[in-house]
Amino acid sequence: MLTVHVSEGFLKKALTSQMEPVRTNVATIEAEVKQKLQNVQERVTREVGERVNQMSTEVQRFKGD
């Protein structure tokens, strides 16, 4: 029977170095998702504002008729 003892510090260091690329990828994906969400929010806000302005213009036109 063979027994190998690994110190907790060594194991933690090994796992930390292996997880770094994963953390980096997750951070990159998170930043991309946040940017895309912000873009969608801005576009929806702009489009809703344009629609409200169009509706307001049409209502004013009907009032004039």
Protein backbone atom coordinates (compact mmCIF):
# COMPACT_ATOMS: atom_id res chain seq x y z
CA MET A 1 0.00 0.00 0.00
CA LEU A 2 1.30 3.41 -0.98
CA THR A 3 0.30 6.55 0.89
CA VAL A 4 1.04 10.04 -0.33
CA HIS A 5 0.71 12.99 1.99
CA VAL A 6 0.19 16.40 0.44
CA SER A 7 0.20 19.53 2.52
CA GLU A 8 -2.91 21.68 2.46
CA GLY A 9 -0.86 24.69 1.35
CA PHE A 10 0.57 22.81 -1.63
CA LEU A 11 -2.86 21.55 -2.63
CA LYS A 12 -4.40 25.03 -2.29
CA LYS A 13 -1.60 26.56 -4.39
CA ALA A 14 -2.00 23.90 -7.10
CA LEU A 15 -5.76 24.36 -7.27
CA THR A 16 -5.48 28.14 -7.30
CA SER A 17 -3.13 28.09 -10.26
CA GLN A 18 -5.40 25.67 -12.12
CA MET A 19 -8.49 27.79 -11.45
CA GLU A 20 -6.97 31.09 -12.61
CA PRO A 21 -7.79 30.57 -16.32
CA VAL A 22 -11.35 29.66 -15.34
CA ARG A 23 -11.69 32.84 -13.25
CA THR A 24 -10.29 34.91 -16.10
CA ASN A 25 -12.73 33.39 -18.61
CA VAL A 26 -15.67 33.91 -16.27
CA ALA A 27 -14.68 37.54 -15.71
CA THR A 28 -14.42 38.09 -19.46
CA ILE A 29 -17.81 36.50 -20.11
CA GLU A 30 -19.36 38.51 -17.29
CA ALA A 31 -18.01 41.77 -18.75
CA GLU A 32 -19.32 40.87 -22.21
CA VAL A 33 -22.77 40.00 -20.86
CA LYS A 34 -22.93 43.26 -18.87
CA GLN A 35 -21.98 45.27 -21.96
CA LYS A 36 -24.54 43.49 -24.14
CA LEU A 37 -27.23 43.99 -21.50
CA GLN A 38 -26.40 47.68 -21.28
CA ASN A 39 -26.60 47.96 -25.08
CA VAL A 40 -30.01 46.28 -25.09
CA GLN A 41 -31.29 48.54 -22.30
CA GLU A 42 -30.11 51.64 -24.15
CA ARG A 43 -31.68 50.49 -27.41
CA VAL A 44 -35.00 49.61 -25.78
CA THR A 45 -35.08 52.92 -23.91
CA ARG A 46 -34.37 54.83 -27.13
CA GLU A 47 -36.97 52.90 -29.14
CA VAL A 48 -39.65 53.28 -26.46
CA GLY A 49 -38.93 57.00 -26.30
CA GLU A 50 -39.27 57.27 -30.07
CA ARG A 51 -42.58 55.37 -30.01
CA VAL A 52 -43.94 57.59 -27.24
CA ASN A 53 -42.97 60.68 -29.23
CA GLN A 54 -44.68 59.26 -32.34
CA MET A 55 -47.83 58.52 -30.39
CA SER A 56 -47.80 61.99 -28.85
CA THR A 57 -47.41 63.55 -32.30
CA GLU A 58 -50.34 61.52 -33.64
CA VAL A 59 -52.53 62.43 -30.68
CA GLN A 60 -51.75 66.11 -31.23
CA ARG A 61 -52.58 65.72 -34.92
CA PHE A 62 -55.95 64.12 -34.05
CA LYS A 63 -56.69 66.96 -31.64
CA GLY A 64 -56.00 69.42 -34.45
CA ASP A 65 -58.37 67.62 -36.83
